[in-house]
Amino acid sequence: MKNKITPRNKEIVMREDDFIVSKTDATGRLTYCNRIFIEFSGYTEQELLSQQHNIVRHPDMPRSVFNLLWQTIKSGNEFFGYVKNMSQDGSYYWVFANVTPSYKAGASNISGYFSVRRKPDIKKVNIIESLYKDMLAAEHQAGSRDAIAAGTKILTDTIEPTGKDYREFILSL
């Protein structure tokens, strides 16, 4: 479905009290999405369930950001980040995302992931959008095989001088 969507330069802005909530299985397939997710994605609940969460991924998002997200949550840690998503009609919407691993009662293996997204601060989005453009350009220049490493280097080179790790950097913007 998502590969046939042409991005449009039309932004949908989240309301202050909106929270997009979703759950996935351990492979990233949607098992739950709230009505706000359905509204912003433009898909029906039936179209979303069992699909990979990246059905809403915008092509402006660097692959290296999602690589970091997956490394973080698969290791059992929570991830915070700014994400540009794409609706079914090609519109886009920015979110500030928190993704955490889920565990079945008494189990030590990750059974899935829980994500809550809210309206991001536009000033922070402007900073992140510029960084993501640089990361995406580096990924494209490096080619598919080396894209993630190239984008990650831009991110690392940006964060290192601050003396913070990724999480501290994102939360301090």
N, C-alpha and C. Protein backbone atom coordinates (compact mmCIF):
# COMPACT_ATOMS: atom_id res chain seq x y z
N MET A 1 0.81 -1.21 0.00
CA MET A 1 0.00 0.00 0.00
C MET A 1 0.85 1.27 0.00
N LYS A 2 1.81 1.38 0.95
CA LYS A 2 2.53 2.64 1.12
C LYS A 2 3.45 2.98 -0.04
N ASN A 3 3.93 1.99 -0.77
CA ASN A 3 4.85 2.25 -1.86
C ASN A 3 4.19 3.01 -3.01
N LYS A 4 2.89 2.98 -3.09
CA LYS A 4 2.17 3.65 -4.17
C LYS A 4 1.77 5.08 -3.80
N ILE A 5 2.11 5.50 -2.62
CA ILE A 5 1.70 6.83 -2.15
C ILE A 5 2.75 7.86 -2.54
N THR A 6 2.28 8.96 -3.11
CA THR A 6 3.16 10.06 -3.46
C THR A 6 3.08 11.11 -2.35
N PRO A 7 4.23 11.44 -1.75
CA PRO A 7 4.21 12.47 -0.69
C PRO A 7 3.69 13.80 -1.22
N ARG A 8 2.90 14.46 -0.40
CA ARG A 8 2.39 15.80 -0.71
C ARG A 8 2.95 16.78 0.30
N ASN A 9 3.06 18.01 -0.12
CA ASN A 9 3.56 19.05 0.78
C ASN A 9 2.40 19.65 1.58
N LYS A 10 1.65 18.77 2.25
CA LYS A 10 0.51 19.19 3.06
C LYS A 10 0.67 18.61 4.45
N GLU A 11 0.82 19.49 5.42
CA GLU A 11 1.03 19.04 6.80
C GLU A 11 -0.30 18.96 7.54
N ILE A 12 -0.43 17.89 8.31
CA ILE A 12 -1.53 17.74 9.25
C ILE A 12 -0.90 17.97 10.63
N VAL A 13 -1.43 18.90 11.38
CA VAL A 13 -0.84 19.23 12.68
C VAL A 13 -1.65 18.58 13.80
N MET A 14 -0.95 17.89 14.66
CA MET A 14 -1.61 17.26 15.80
C MET A 14 -2.16 18.32 16.75
N ARG A 15 -3.25 17.99 17.40
CA ARG A 15 -3.82 18.87 18.42
C ARG A 15 -3.05 18.65 19.73
N GLU A 16 -3.07 19.64 20.59
CA GLU A 16 -2.31 19.58 21.85
C GLU A 16 -2.67 18.36 22.70
N ASP A 17 -3.93 17.95 22.68
CA ASP A 17 -4.36 16.86 23.55
C ASP A 17 -4.40 15.50 22.84
N ASP A 18 -3.85 15.43 21.63
CA ASP A 18 -3.81 14.17 20.89
C ASP A 18 -2.66 13.28 21.36
N PHE A 19 -2.96 12.00 21.47
CA PHE A 19 -1.94 10.99 21.70
C PHE A 19 -2.20 9.85 20.72
N ILE A 20 -1.22 9.58 19.88
CA ILE A 20 -1.30 8.45 18.97
C ILE A 20 -0.71 7.26 19.70
N VAL A 21 -1.48 6.19 19.78
CA VAL A 21 -1.05 5.01 20.52
C VAL A 21 -1.13 3.79 19.60
N SER A 22 -0.09 2.98 19.66
CA SER A 22 -0.11 1.72 18.91
C SER A 22 0.69 0.67 19.65
N LYS A 23 0.37 -0.58 19.33
CA LYS A 23 1.12 -1.72 19.84
C LYS A 23 1.47 -2.57 18.63
N THR A 24 2.64 -3.22 18.71
CA THR A 24 3.05 -4.13 17.66
C THR A 24 3.50 -5.44 18.28
N ASP A 25 3.63 -6.45 17.44
CA ASP A 25 4.26 -7.68 17.89
C ASP A 25 5.78 -7.46 17.85
N ALA A 26 6.54 -8.48 18.12
CA ALA A 26 8.00 -8.35 18.19
C ALA A 26 8.63 -8.04 16.83
N THR A 27 7.92 -8.28 15.74
CA THR A 27 8.45 -7.99 14.40
C THR A 27 8.00 -6.63 13.86
N GLY A 28 7.22 -5.88 14.64
CA GLY A 28 6.79 -4.56 14.21
C GLY A 28 5.44 -4.53 13.51
N ARG A 29 4.70 -5.64 13.51
CA ARG A 29 3.37 -5.67 12.90
C ARG A 29 2.34 -5.12 13.89
N LEU A 30 1.51 -4.22 13.42
CA LEU A 30 0.51 -3.58 14.27
C LEU A 30 -0.51 -4.58 14.82
N THR A 31 -0.71 -4.52 16.13
CA THR A 31 -1.72 -5.34 16.79
C THR A 31 -2.81 -4.48 17.42
N TYR A 32 -2.53 -3.19 17.57
CA TYR A 32 -3.50 -2.24 18.12
C TYR A 32 -3.16 -0.84 17.63
N CYS A 33 -4.18 -0.07 17.32
CA CYS A 33 -3.99 1.36 17.01
C CYS A 33 -5.23 2.11 17.49
N ASN A 34 -5.01 3.22 18.18
CA ASN A 34 -6.14 3.98 18.70
C ASN A 34 -6.77 4.84 17.60
N ARG A 35 -7.87 5.47 17.93
CA ARG A 35 -8.62 6.25 16.92
C ARG A 35 -7.82 7.43 16.39
N ILE A 36 -6.93 8.00 17.19
CA ILE A 36 -6.11 9.13 16.73
C ILE A 36 -5.10 8.64 15.69
N PHE A 37 -4.52 7.46 15.89
CA PHE A 37 -3.62 6.88 14.89
C PHE A 37 -4.40 6.67 13.58
N ILE A 38 -5.57 6.10 13.69
CA ILE A 38 -6.40 5.85 12.50
C ILE A 38 -6.70 7.17 11.79
N GLU A 39 -7.07 8.19 12.54
CA GLU A 39 -7.38 9.50 11.96
C GLU A 39 -6.18 10.08 11.20
N PHE A 40 -5.02 10.13 11.83
CA PHE A 40 -3.86 10.77 11.22
C PHE A 40 -3.26 9.93 10.08
N SER A 41 -3.35 8.62 10.21
CA SER A 41 -2.79 7.77 9.15
C SER A 41 -3.65 7.78 7.90
N GLY A 42 -4.95 7.99 8.07
CA GLY A 42 -5.86 7.96 6.93
C GLY A 42 -6.28 6.57 6.53
N TYR A 43 -5.79 5.56 7.22
CA TYR A 43 -6.17 4.17 6.95
C TYR A 43 -7.29 3.76 7.89
N THR A 44 -8.00 2.72 7.54
CA THR A 44 -8.97 2.14 8.46
C THR A 44 -8.22 1.22 9.42
N GLU A 45 -8.88 0.87 10.51
CA GLU A 45 -8.27 -0.05 11.46
C GLU A 45 -7.94 -1.38 10.78
N GLN A 46 -8.83 -1.85 9.93
CA GLN A 46 -8.62 -3.12 9.23
C GLN A 46 -7.40 -3.03 8.29
N GLU A 47 -7.19 -1.88 7.68
CA GLU A 47 -6.04 -1.70 6.79
C GLU A 47 -4.73 -1.64 7.57
N LEU A 48 -4.79 -1.21 8.82
CA LEU A 48 -3.58 -1.07 9.63
C LEU A 48 -3.17 -2.35 10.36
N LEU A 49 -4.14 -3.03 10.94
CA LEU A 49 -3.81 -4.20 11.75
C LEU A 49 -3.12 -5.27 10.92
N SER A 50 -2.08 -5.84 11.47
CA SER A 50 -1.22 -6.86 10.85
C SER A 50 -0.23 -6.29 9.83
N GLN A 51 -0.27 -4.99 9.58
CA GLN A 51 0.71 -4.36 8.69
C GLN A 51 1.94 -3.96 9.51
N GLN A 52 3.07 -3.84 8.83
CA GLN A 52 4.26 -3.31 9.50
C GLN A 52 3.98 -1.86 9.90
N HIS A 53 4.47 -1.48 11.08
CA HIS A 53 4.25 -0.12 11.56
C HIS A 53 4.79 0.92 10.57
N ASN A 54 5.77 0.54 9.78
CA ASN A 54 6.37 1.50 8.84
C ASN A 54 5.44 1.83 7.67
N ILE A 55 4.20 1.37 7.72
CA ILE A 55 3.22 1.75 6.71
C ILE A 55 3.06 3.28 6.67
N VAL A 56 3.36 3.96 7.78
CA VAL A 56 3.24 5.41 7.84
C VAL A 56 4.59 6.12 7.71
N ARG A 57 5.62 5.40 7.35
CA ARG A 57 6.96 6.01 7.24
C ARG A 57 7.02 6.98 6.06
N HIS A 58 7.50 8.15 6.33
CA HIS A 58 7.69 9.17 5.29
C HIS A 58 9.07 9.00 4.66
N PRO A 59 9.18 9.16 3.35
CA PRO A 59 10.49 8.99 2.71
C PRO A 59 11.53 10.04 3.12
N ASP A 60 11.13 11.10 3.81
CA ASP A 60 12.09 12.10 4.32
C ASP A 60 12.81 11.61 5.57
N MET A 61 12.38 10.48 6.12
CA MET A 61 13.00 9.96 7.34
C MET A 61 14.26 9.15 6.99
N PRO A 62 15.39 9.48 7.63
CA PRO A 62 16.61 8.72 7.41
C PRO A 62 16.47 7.28 7.93
N ARG A 63 17.01 6.34 7.16
CA ARG A 63 17.01 4.94 7.59
C ARG A 63 17.78 4.77 8.90
N SER A 64 18.80 5.58 9.08
CA SER A 64 19.64 5.46 10.27
C SER A 64 18.87 5.77 11.56
N VAL A 65 17.85 6.60 11.49
CA VAL A 65 17.04 6.88 12.68
C VAL A 65 16.29 5.62 13.09
N PHE A 66 15.71 4.93 12.11
CA PHE A 66 14.98 3.70 12.43
C PHE A 66 15.92 2.58 12.85
N ASN A 67 17.12 2.57 12.32
CA ASN A 67 18.12 1.61 12.77
C ASN A 67 18.42 1.83 14.26
N LEU A 68 18.60 3.09 14.65
CA LEU A 68 18.84 3.42 16.05
C LEU A 68 17.64 3.04 16.91
N LEU A 69 16.44 3.33 16.43
CA LEU A 69 15.23 2.98 17.16
C LEU A 69 15.20 1.47 17.43
N TRP A 70 15.39 0.66 16.39
CA TRP A 70 15.34 -0.79 16.55
C TRP A 70 16.45 -1.30 17.45
N GLN A 71 17.66 -0.77 17.33
CA GLN A 71 18.76 -1.19 18.23
C GLN A 71 18.38 -0.91 19.67
N THR A 72 17.80 0.27 19.90
CA THR A 72 17.45 0.70 21.25
C THR A 72 16.37 -0.17 21.86
N ILE A 73 15.27 -0.36 21.15
CA ILE A 73 14.15 -1.11 21.75
C ILE A 73 14.41 -2.61 21.81
N LYS A 74 15.16 -3.14 20.85
CA LYS A 74 15.47 -4.58 20.91
C LYS A 74 16.39 -4.90 22.07
N SER A 75 17.15 -3.89 22.54
CA SER A 75 18.02 -4.10 23.70
C SER A 75 17.27 -3.91 25.01
N GLY A 76 15.96 -3.64 24.92
CA GLY A 76 15.14 -3.52 26.12
C GLY A 76 15.01 -2.10 26.64
N ASN A 77 15.53 -1.12 25.92
CA ASN A 77 15.45 0.27 26.36
C ASN A 77 14.35 1.02 25.62
N GLU A 78 13.94 2.14 26.20
CA GLU A 78 12.93 2.96 25.52
C GLU A 78 13.61 3.95 24.59
N PHE A 79 12.89 4.32 23.54
CA PHE A 79 13.39 5.23 22.52
C PHE A 79 12.53 6.48 22.50
N PHE A 80 13.18 7.63 22.42
CA PHE A 80 12.50 8.90 22.21
C PHE A 80 13.01 9.49 20.90
N GLY A 81 12.13 10.06 20.11
CA GLY A 81 12.60 10.67 18.88
C GLY A 81 11.50 11.41 18.15
N TYR A 82 11.93 12.25 17.24
CA TYR A 82 11.01 12.98 16.37
C TYR A 82 10.89 12.22 15.07
N VAL A 83 9.65 12.04 14.62
CA VAL A 83 9.40 11.25 13.43
C VAL A 83 8.41 11.97 12.52
N LYS A 84 8.74 11.99 11.24
CA LYS A 84 7.83 12.51 10.23
C LYS A 84 7.12 11.32 9.60
N ASN A 85 5.81 11.28 9.76
CA ASN A 85 5.00 10.19 9.22
C ASN A 85 4.22 10.66 8.01
N MET A 86 3.74 9.70 7.23
CA MET A 86 2.96 10.02 6.03
C MET A 86 1.60 9.33 6.09
N SER A 87 0.57 10.12 5.84
CA SER A 87 -0.79 9.60 5.78
C SER A 87 -1.03 8.90 4.45
N GLN A 88 -2.11 8.18 4.39
CA GLN A 88 -2.46 7.44 3.18
C GLN A 88 -2.63 8.36 1.97
N ASP A 89 -3.03 9.62 2.20
CA ASP A 89 -3.21 10.56 1.09
C ASP A 89 -1.94 11.31 0.72
N GLY A 90 -0.80 10.97 1.36
CA GLY A 90 0.47 11.61 1.07
C GLY A 90 0.79 12.80 1.95
N SER A 91 -0.17 13.26 2.76
CA SER A 91 0.09 14.33 3.72
C SER A 91 1.09 13.83 4.76
N TYR A 92 1.67 14.76 5.50
CA TYR A 92 2.62 14.35 6.54
C TYR A 92 2.24 14.95 7.88
N TYR A 93 2.74 14.32 8.93
CA TYR A 93 2.55 14.83 10.28
C TYR A 93 3.76 14.45 11.12
N TRP A 94 4.22 15.41 11.92
CA TRP A 94 5.35 15.19 12.81
C TRP A 94 4.84 14.74 14.17
N VAL A 95 5.60 13.85 14.80
CA VAL A 95 5.28 13.39 16.15
C VAL A 95 6.54 13.36 17.00
N PHE A 96 6.35 13.47 18.29
CA PHE A 96 7.41 13.15 19.24
C PHE A 96 7.04 11.78 19.79
N ALA A 97 7.88 10.79 19.51
CA ALA A 97 7.55 9.40 19.80
C ALA A 97 8.31 8.85 21.00
N ASN A 98 7.63 8.02 21.75
CA ASN A 98 8.23 7.21 22.80
C ASN A 98 7.85 5.77 22.50
N VAL A 99 8.85 4.92 22.31
CA VAL A 99 8.61 3.51 21.99
C VAL A 99 9.28 2.67 23.07
N THR A 100 8.52 1.74 23.63
CA THR A 100 9.04 0.89 24.70
C THR A 100 8.76 -0.58 24.39
N PRO A 101 9.65 -1.46 24.83
CA PRO A 101 9.40 -2.89 24.67
C PRO A 101 8.29 -3.35 25.62
N SER A 102 7.56 -4.38 25.20
CA SER A 102 6.53 -5.00 26.03
C SER A 102 6.93 -6.44 26.32
N TYR A 103 6.53 -6.90 27.49
CA TYR A 103 6.84 -8.26 27.92
C TYR A 103 5.56 -8.93 28.39
N LYS A 104 5.41 -10.21 28.11
CA LYS A 104 4.30 -10.97 28.68
C LYS A 104 4.61 -11.20 30.15
N ALA A 105 3.57 -11.32 30.96
CA ALA A 105 3.74 -11.51 32.40
C ALA A 105 4.69 -12.67 32.70
N GLY A 106 5.72 -12.37 33.47
CA GLY A 106 6.67 -13.39 33.88
C GLY A 106 7.71 -13.77 32.84
N ALA A 107 7.63 -13.18 31.66
CA ALA A 107 8.57 -13.53 30.58
C ALA A 107 9.71 -12.52 30.52
N SER A 108 10.85 -12.98 30.05
CA SER A 108 11.99 -12.07 29.91
C SER A 108 12.22 -11.67 28.45
N ASN A 109 11.54 -12.34 27.52
CA ASN A 109 11.68 -12.01 26.10
C ASN A 109 10.68 -10.92 25.71
N ILE A 110 11.12 -10.04 24.84
CA ILE A 110 10.24 -8.99 24.35
C ILE A 110 9.15 -9.60 23.48
N SER A 111 7.90 -9.26 23.80
CA SER A 111 6.77 -9.81 23.03
C SER A 111 6.23 -8.82 22.01
N GLY A 112 6.63 -7.56 22.14
CA GLY A 112 6.15 -6.53 21.23
C GLY A 112 6.62 -5.17 21.68
N TYR A 113 6.00 -4.16 21.10
CA TYR A 113 6.40 -2.78 21.40
C TYR A 113 5.15 -1.92 21.55
N PHE A 114 5.27 -0.93 22.41
CA PHE A 114 4.18 0.00 22.71
C PHE A 114 4.70 1.39 22.37
N SER A 115 3.93 2.15 21.62
CA SER A 115 4.38 3.49 21.22
C SER A 115 3.30 4.53 21.48
N VAL A 116 3.74 5.64 22.05
CA VAL A 116 2.86 6.78 22.28
C VAL A 116 3.52 7.98 21.61
N ARG A 117 2.75 8.66 20.77
CA ARG A 117 3.26 9.84 20.09
C ARG A 117 2.37 11.04 20.41
N ARG A 118 3.02 12.18 20.54
CA ARG A 118 2.29 13.42 20.82
C ARG A 118 2.78 14.52 19.92
N LYS A 119 2.09 15.65 19.99
CA LYS A 119 2.44 16.80 19.17
C LYS A 119 3.82 17.31 19.59
N PRO A 120 4.72 17.46 18.63
CA PRO A 120 6.06 17.96 18.97
C PRO A 120 6.10 19.49 18.98
N ASP A 121 7.08 20.03 19.65
CA ASP A 121 7.35 21.46 19.65
C ASP A 121 7.91 21.83 18.28
N ILE A 122 7.31 22.80 17.61
CA ILE A 122 7.71 23.16 16.24
C ILE A 122 9.16 23.64 16.18
N LYS A 123 9.63 24.31 17.21
CA LYS A 123 11.03 24.77 17.23
C LYS A 123 11.98 23.58 17.22
N LYS A 124 11.63 22.53 17.94
CA LYS A 124 12.46 21.32 17.98
C LYS A 124 12.38 20.57 16.65
N VAL A 125 11.20 20.57 16.04
CA VAL A 125 11.04 19.92 14.73
C VAL A 125 11.93 20.61 13.70
N ASN A 126 12.02 21.94 13.76
CA ASN A 126 12.87 22.67 12.81
C ASN A 126 14.34 22.25 12.94
N ILE A 127 14.79 22.06 14.17
CA ILE A 127 16.17 21.61 14.40
C ILE A 127 16.35 20.20 13.85
N ILE A 128 15.44 19.31 14.20
CA ILE A 128 15.52 17.91 13.77
C ILE A 128 15.37 17.78 12.26
N GLU A 129 14.47 18.55 11.67
CA GLU A 129 14.25 18.46 10.23
C GLU A 129 15.53 18.79 9.46
N SER A 130 16.25 19.79 9.92
CA SER A 130 17.52 20.16 9.29
C SER A 130 18.54 19.03 9.43
N LEU A 131 18.63 18.46 10.63
CA LEU A 131 19.54 17.34 10.88
C LEU A 131 19.16 16.14 10.00
N TYR A 132 17.87 15.82 9.92
CA TYR A 132 17.41 14.69 9.11
C TYR A 132 17.72 14.90 7.63
N LYS A 133 17.61 16.13 7.16
CA LYS A 133 17.95 16.41 5.74
C LYS A 133 19.41 16.10 5.48
N ASP A 134 20.28 16.50 6.41
CA ASP A 134 21.71 16.20 6.28
C ASP A 134 21.98 14.69 6.33
N MET A 135 21.30 14.01 7.24
CA MET A 135 21.46 12.57 7.37
C MET A 135 20.98 11.85 6.11
N LEU A 136 19.83 12.27 5.60
CA LEU A 136 19.27 11.65 4.40
C LEU A 136 20.17 11.88 3.18
N ALA A 137 20.72 13.09 3.07
CA ALA A 137 21.64 13.38 1.97
C ALA A 137 22.87 12.48 2.05
N ALA A 138 23.40 12.30 3.25
CA ALA A 138 24.56 11.42 3.43
C ALA A 138 24.21 9.98 3.08
N GLU A 139 23.01 9.54 3.47
CA GLU A 139 22.58 8.19 3.15
C GLU A 139 22.47 7.99 1.63
N HIS A 140 21.87 8.96 0.95
CA HIS A 140 21.73 8.85 -0.51
C HIS A 140 23.09 8.86 -1.20
N GLN A 141 23.98 9.71 -0.73
CA GLN A 141 25.30 9.81 -1.33
C GLN A 141 26.10 8.51 -1.12
N ALA A 142 25.93 7.89 0.03
CA ALA A 142 26.69 6.68 0.36
C ALA A 142 26.18 5.46 -0.40
N GLY A 143 24.93 5.49 -0.82
CA GLY A 143 24.36 4.32 -1.48
C GLY A 143 23.74 3.38 -0.47
N SER A 144 22.93 2.47 -0.96
CA SER A 144 22.14 1.59 -0.10
C SER A 144 22.98 0.80 0.91
N ARG A 145 24.08 0.23 0.46
CA ARG A 145 24.89 -0.63 1.33
C ARG A 145 25.47 0.12 2.53
N ASP A 146 25.88 1.38 2.33
CA ASP A 146 26.54 2.15 3.40
C ASP A 146 25.67 3.28 3.95
N ALA A 147 24.40 3.29 3.58
CA ALA A 147 23.51 4.40 3.95
C ALA A 147 23.39 4.59 5.46
N ILE A 148 23.12 3.50 6.17
CA ILE A 148 22.89 3.62 7.61
C ILE A 148 24.14 4.14 8.32
N ALA A 149 25.29 3.65 7.94
CA ALA A 149 26.53 4.12 8.56
C ALA A 149 26.76 5.60 8.27
N ALA A 150 26.46 6.03 7.05
CA ALA A 150 26.66 7.44 6.68
C ALA A 150 25.72 8.36 7.46
N GLY A 151 24.45 7.97 7.56
CA GLY A 151 23.49 8.78 8.32
C GLY A 151 23.82 8.81 9.79
N THR A 152 24.23 7.66 10.32
CA THR A 152 24.60 7.58 11.73
C THR A 152 25.80 8.46 12.04
N LYS A 153 26.76 8.54 11.12
CA LYS A 153 27.93 9.39 11.33
C LYS A 153 27.52 10.86 11.46
N ILE A 154 26.60 11.31 10.63
CA ILE A 154 26.10 12.71 10.73
C ILE A 154 25.47 12.93 12.09
N LEU A 155 24.64 11.97 12.52
CA LEU A 155 23.99 12.08 13.83
C LEU A 155 25.02 12.11 14.95
N THR A 156 25.97 11.20 14.92
CA THR A 156 27.03 11.12 15.94
C THR A 156 27.87 12.39 15.96
N ASP A 157 28.24 12.89 14.78
CA ASP A 157 29.04 14.11 14.70
C ASP A 157 28.29 15.33 15.25
N THR A 158 26.97 15.28 15.20
CA THR A 158 26.15 16.37 15.73
C THR A 158 26.03 16.27 17.25
N ILE A 159 25.87 15.06 17.75
CA ILE A 159 25.63 14.87 19.19
C ILE A 159 26.91 14.90 20.00
N GLU A 160 28.00 14.31 19.51
CA GLU A 160 29.24 14.18 20.28
C GLU A 160 29.72 15.49 20.92
N PRO A 161 29.76 16.60 20.16
CA PRO A 161 30.25 17.85 20.78
C PRO A 161 29.42 18.34 21.97
N THR A 162 28.18 17.85 22.09
CA THR A 162 27.33 18.29 23.20
C THR A 162 27.67 17.56 24.49
N GLY A 163 28.43 16.44 24.37
CA GLY A 163 28.76 15.65 25.55
C GLY A 163 27.59 14.81 26.05
N LYS A 164 26.56 14.69 25.26
CA LYS A 164 25.37 13.94 25.65
C LYS A 164 25.27 12.67 24.82
N ASP A 165 24.48 11.72 25.31
CA ASP A 165 24.15 10.58 24.47
C ASP A 165 22.89 10.95 23.68
N TYR A 166 22.45 10.05 22.80
CA TYR A 166 21.31 10.35 21.93
C TYR A 166 20.08 10.76 22.74
N ARG A 167 19.74 9.97 23.74
CA ARG A 167 18.53 10.24 24.54
C ARG A 167 18.62 11.61 25.21
N GLU A 168 19.76 11.90 25.83
CA GLU A 168 19.92 13.20 26.49
C GLU A 168 19.82 14.33 25.47
N PHE A 169 20.40 14.13 24.30
CA PHE A 169 20.36 15.15 23.24
C PHE A 169 18.92 15.43 22.82
N ILE A 170 18.17 14.39 22.53
CA ILE A 170 16.78 14.55 22.08
C ILE A 170 15.93 15.21 23.15
N LEU A 171 16.08 14.76 24.38
CA LEU A 171 15.26 15.32 25.46
C LEU A 171 15.68 16.73 25.85
N SER A 172 16.89 17.15 25.46
CA SER A 172 17.36 18.49 25.81
C SER A 172 17.08 19.55 24.76
N LEU A 173 16.58 19.13 23.61
CA LEU A 173 16.32 20.11 22.54
C LEU A 173 15.31 21.15 23.00
